[in-house]
């Protein structure tokens, strides 16, 4: 039996990085395109947080994958790795991968 995986990542812009900066716009563009460039993703959703709170992160991605093997392919996909590099210099992030039986 395969286990559907929901992959969630929350991004917090580093101090001094503005949402309007070109590097942020580029990272967002890549994040939005991951869903079109990673065939293992069943669904893909991204967006900016709409509520400003001290504990809130700024941006999130949510992807659904068929199983752990698909998650592994997603993690090693070249386009996904390029998107990760865009975010690495401008943000810190946390990730969770939820299993749904």
Protein backbone atom coordinates (compact mmCIF):
# COMPACT_ATOMS: atom_id res chain seq x y z
CA UNK A 1 0.00 0.00 0.00
CA UNK A 2 1.43 3.40 -0.93
CA UNK A 3 1.28 6.36 1.40
CA UNK A 4 0.40 9.79 0.02
CA UNK A 5 2.85 12.46 1.22
CA UNK A 6 1.98 16.11 1.76
CA UNK A 7 5.16 18.17 1.61
CA UNK A 8 4.98 21.60 3.30
CA UNK A 9 7.73 24.21 3.50
CA UNK A 10 7.56 27.59 5.25
CA UNK A 11 10.05 30.33 4.31
CA UNK A 12 11.06 33.30 6.48
CA UNK A 13 12.92 36.11 4.71
CA UNK A 14 16.26 36.88 6.30
CA UNK A 15 16.74 40.18 8.11
CA UNK A 16 17.28 42.97 5.60
CA UNK A 17 15.68 41.08 2.71
CA UNK A 18 12.61 42.90 1.42
CA UNK A 19 9.70 41.16 -0.26
CA UNK A 20 10.01 43.64 -3.14
CA UNK A 21 13.65 42.80 -3.91
CA UNK A 22 14.51 41.23 -7.29
CA UNK A 23 16.00 38.14 -5.61
CA UNK A 24 12.71 37.49 -3.79
CA UNK A 25 10.73 37.94 -7.01
CA UNK A 26 13.03 35.44 -8.72
CA UNK A 27 12.68 32.90 -5.89
CA UNK A 28 8.89 33.25 -5.96
CA UNK A 29 8.85 32.77 -9.75
CA UNK A 30 10.85 29.55 -9.42
CA UNK A 31 8.65 28.31 -6.56
CA UNK A 32 5.51 28.84 -8.64
CA UNK A 33 7.04 26.90 -11.55
CA UNK A 34 8.04 23.85 -9.50
CA UNK A 35 4.56 22.38 -9.96
CA UNK A 36 4.94 22.49 -13.74
CA UNK A 37 8.47 21.13 -13.74
CA UNK A 38 8.34 18.26 -11.25
CA UNK A 39 6.18 15.47 -12.69
CA UNK A 40 5.94 13.60 -9.37
CA UNK A 41 3.81 16.38 -7.84
CA UNK A 42 0.10 15.59 -7.89
CA UNK A 43 -0.78 19.09 -6.68
CA UNK A 44 1.27 22.20 -5.94
CA UNK A 45 0.27 25.36 -4.13
CA UNK A 46 2.38 28.39 -3.16
CA UNK A 47 1.73 31.81 -1.70
CA UNK A 48 2.54 34.66 0.63
CA UNK A 49 1.31 34.78 4.20
CA UNK A 50 -1.57 37.23 4.48
CA UNK A 51 -1.32 38.00 8.21
CA UNK A 52 1.66 39.78 9.79
CA UNK A 53 2.51 38.15 13.14
CA UNK A 54 5.81 37.72 14.94
CA UNK A 55 5.61 33.92 14.78
CA UNK A 56 4.46 33.79 11.14
CA UNK A 57 6.56 32.71 8.18
CA UNK A 58 6.44 34.74 4.98
CA UNK A 59 5.90 32.24 2.16
CA UNK A 60 4.75 28.64 1.90
CA UNK A 61 4.70 25.78 -0.59
CA UNK A 62 2.50 22.72 -0.34
CA UNK A 63 2.87 19.72 -2.61
CA UNK A 64 1.17 16.35 -2.67
CA UNK A 65 3.11 13.30 -3.86
CA UNK A 66 2.01 9.73 -4.44
CA UNK A 67 4.50 8.13 -2.03
CA UNK A 68 7.95 8.33 -0.45
CA UNK A 69 9.63 7.29 -3.73
CA UNK A 70 7.98 10.27 -5.46
CA UNK A 71 9.15 12.54 -2.63
CA UNK A 72 12.72 11.33 -3.17
CA UNK A 73 12.48 12.10 -6.91
CA UNK A 74 11.04 15.54 -6.10
CA UNK A 75 13.95 16.27 -3.76
CA UNK A 76 16.53 15.36 -6.41
CA UNK A 77 14.75 16.99 -9.36
CA UNK A 78 17.06 19.54 -11.04
CA UNK A 79 14.40 22.26 -11.31
CA UNK A 80 13.46 21.83 -7.65
CA UNK A 81 17.13 22.09 -6.67
CA UNK A 82 17.41 25.36 -8.64
CA UNK A 83 14.37 26.71 -6.80
CA UNK A 84 15.91 25.72 -3.46
CA UNK A 85 19.10 27.62 -4.34
CA UNK A 86 17.07 30.77 -5.05
CA UNK A 87 15.54 30.61 -1.56
CA UNK A 88 18.74 29.59 0.25
CA UNK A 89 20.37 33.04 0.06
CA UNK A 90 17.29 35.04 1.04
CA UNK A 91 15.47 32.94 3.63
CA UNK A 92 15.47 30.32 6.32
CA UNK A 93 12.88 27.58 6.17
CA UNK A 94 11.33 24.59 7.83
CA UNK A 95 9.85 21.53 6.17
CA UNK A 96 7.42 18.80 7.15
CA UNK A 97 6.36 15.75 5.15
CA UNK A 98 3.04 14.32 6.33
CA UNK A 99 2.01 10.76 5.59
CA UNK A 100 -1.62 10.03 4.79
CA UNK A 101 -2.58 6.35 4.76
